[in-house]
């Protein structure tokens, strides 16, 4: 199971493995208080994409499409998270104010798709067909 949780919410036993998936450390969060298993800034959107979305220069749909292209280009950064999700609960921790339009939600959807692709009877994955611009 994959879930998303704001960094400012209290950790719980049901969170399983907690991974911070933001490029920047959450403001006003002490490192010892966040209770994460690991911080993976490299799985977050690029600085340019993050800044454009935060500034409102790109819509969430455009952000999601661009971030998914970045994820497809860098499987070495997220591949291990699929194994974690298959083995139990994975909580993606993020700092954004919106609980529905943020990088963790996009990453969770991506990882859920990958878990499904690894299911019994799946064939090898080809990401090229998932992007109309390519």
Protein backbone atom coordinates (compact mmCIF):
# COMPACT_ATOMS: atom_id res chain seq x y z
CA UNK A 1 0.00 0.00 0.00
CA UNK A 2 1.21 3.49 -0.86
CA UNK A 3 -0.04 6.57 0.94
CA UNK A 4 0.94 10.23 1.16
CA UNK A 5 1.25 12.29 4.31
CA UNK A 6 2.26 15.87 5.01
CA UNK A 7 5.50 16.31 6.92
CA UNK A 8 3.61 18.41 9.45
CA UNK A 9 1.24 15.58 10.40
CA UNK A 10 2.20 13.26 13.23
CA UNK A 11 3.74 9.93 12.29
CA UNK A 12 1.80 6.80 13.21
CA UNK A 13 2.51 3.09 13.45
CA UNK A 14 0.32 2.52 10.37
CA UNK A 15 2.70 4.61 8.22
CA UNK A 16 5.10 1.73 7.67
CA UNK A 17 8.22 2.94 5.85
CA UNK A 18 8.25 6.75 5.74
CA UNK A 19 10.22 8.34 2.90
CA UNK A 20 10.60 12.10 2.46
CA UNK A 21 10.20 12.76 -1.27
CA UNK A 22 10.83 16.51 -1.45
CA UNK A 23 13.95 18.09 -2.90
CA UNK A 24 14.07 20.59 -0.03
CA UNK A 25 13.81 19.85 3.68
CA UNK A 26 10.40 20.93 5.07
CA UNK A 27 10.48 24.30 6.81
CA UNK A 28 10.40 24.32 10.59
CA UNK A 29 10.80 20.53 10.83
CA UNK A 30 13.59 19.25 12.99
CA UNK A 31 15.35 16.27 11.46
CA UNK A 32 14.91 14.15 14.58
CA UNK A 33 11.19 14.98 14.83
CA UNK A 34 10.16 14.02 11.29
CA UNK A 35 10.55 10.28 11.92
CA UNK A 36 11.42 9.25 8.40
CA UNK A 37 13.25 6.13 7.28
CA UNK A 38 15.02 7.94 4.47
CA UNK A 39 15.13 11.20 2.51
CA UNK A 40 15.24 10.82 -1.28
CA UNK A 41 15.60 14.33 -2.76
CA UNK A 42 16.63 12.88 -6.13
CA UNK A 43 13.17 11.31 -6.62
CA UNK A 44 11.53 14.74 -6.35
CA UNK A 45 10.78 16.93 -9.37
CA UNK A 46 13.67 18.96 -10.78
CA UNK A 47 14.30 22.40 -9.28
CA UNK A 48 13.05 24.05 -12.46
CA UNK A 49 9.79 22.09 -12.53
CA UNK A 50 9.19 22.53 -8.80
CA UNK A 51 9.72 26.30 -9.03
CA UNK A 52 7.49 26.66 -12.11
CA UNK A 53 4.64 24.78 -10.42
CA UNK A 54 4.99 26.67 -7.15
CA UNK A 55 4.99 30.01 -9.03
CA UNK A 56 1.85 29.02 -10.95
CA UNK A 57 3.64 29.08 -14.30
CA UNK A 58 2.41 25.54 -15.06
CA UNK A 59 -0.89 23.86 -14.23
CA UNK A 60 -1.04 20.72 -12.12
CA UNK A 61 -1.81 18.67 -15.24
CA UNK A 62 1.29 20.05 -16.97
CA UNK A 63 3.32 19.50 -13.80
CA UNK A 64 2.12 15.90 -13.54
CA UNK A 65 3.01 15.17 -17.18
CA UNK A 66 6.45 16.76 -16.87
CA UNK A 67 7.19 15.02 -13.57
CA UNK A 68 6.14 11.66 -15.01
CA UNK A 69 8.59 12.24 -17.88
CA UNK A 70 11.32 12.93 -15.31
CA UNK A 71 10.44 9.75 -13.41
CA UNK A 72 10.52 7.69 -16.63
CA UNK A 73 13.98 9.06 -17.38
CA UNK A 74 15.37 8.22 -13.91
CA UNK A 75 14.11 4.81 -12.77
CA UNK A 76 17.20 4.28 -10.63
CA UNK A 77 15.85 6.90 -8.20
CA UNK A 78 12.46 5.28 -7.54
CA UNK A 79 12.82 1.61 -8.51
CA UNK A 80 13.59 0.52 -4.93
CA UNK A 81 10.38 2.18 -3.69
CA UNK A 82 8.35 -0.31 -5.71
CA UNK A 83 9.94 -3.13 -3.71
CA UNK A 84 9.14 -1.32 -0.46
CA UNK A 85 5.50 -0.84 -1.52
CA UNK A 86 5.19 -4.51 -2.47
CA UNK A 87 6.51 -5.52 0.94
CA UNK A 88 4.18 -3.41 3.08
CA UNK A 89 3.00 0.12 3.68
CA UNK A 90 4.98 2.94 2.08
CA UNK A 91 4.25 6.50 3.18
CA UNK A 92 5.50 9.28 0.94
CA UNK A 93 6.14 12.32 3.12
CA UNK A 94 5.90 15.79 1.55
CA UNK A 95 5.67 19.42 2.70
CA UNK A 96 3.25 20.98 0.17
CA UNK A 97 0.11 22.64 1.50
CA UNK A 98 -2.20 20.97 -1.01
CA UNK A 99 -3.01 17.36 -0.21
CA UNK A 100 -4.22 16.64 -3.75
CA UNK A 101 -1.88 18.60 -6.03
CA UNK A 102 1.69 17.79 -5.08
CA UNK A 103 4.65 15.69 -6.18
CA UNK A 104 3.96 12.91 -3.65
CA UNK A 105 0.52 12.26 -5.15
CA UNK A 106 2.02 12.01 -8.65
CA UNK A 107 4.81 9.75 -7.38
CA UNK A 108 2.34 7.53 -5.50
CA UNK A 109 0.27 7.07 -8.67
CA UNK A 110 3.44 6.31 -10.63
CA UNK A 111 4.59 3.74 -8.07
CA UNK A 112 1.14 2.11 -7.92
CA UNK A 113 1.26 1.72 -11.69
CA UNK A 114 4.70 0.14 -11.37
CA UNK A 115 3.52 -2.28 -8.68
CA UNK A 116 0.69 -3.29 -10.99
CA UNK A 117 3.11 -3.75 -13.90
CA UNK A 118 5.20 -6.10 -11.79
CA UNK A 119 2.19 -8.24 -10.98
CA UNK A 120 2.03 -11.84 -12.09
CA UNK A 121 1.77 -12.18 -15.85
CA UNK A 122 3.07 -8.72 -16.70
CA UNK A 123 5.44 -8.15 -19.57
CA UNK A 124 8.51 -5.86 -19.43
CA UNK A 125 7.76 -2.18 -19.20
CA UNK A 126 8.22 0.31 -22.05
CA UNK A 127 7.69 3.92 -21.00
CA UNK A 128 7.96 5.59 -24.41
CA UNK A 129 4.35 4.96 -25.39
CA UNK A 130 3.07 6.77 -22.29
CA UNK A 131 4.18 10.19 -23.55
CA UNK A 132 2.61 11.76 -26.60
CA UNK A 133 5.37 14.37 -26.98
CA UNK A 134 8.05 11.76 -27.64
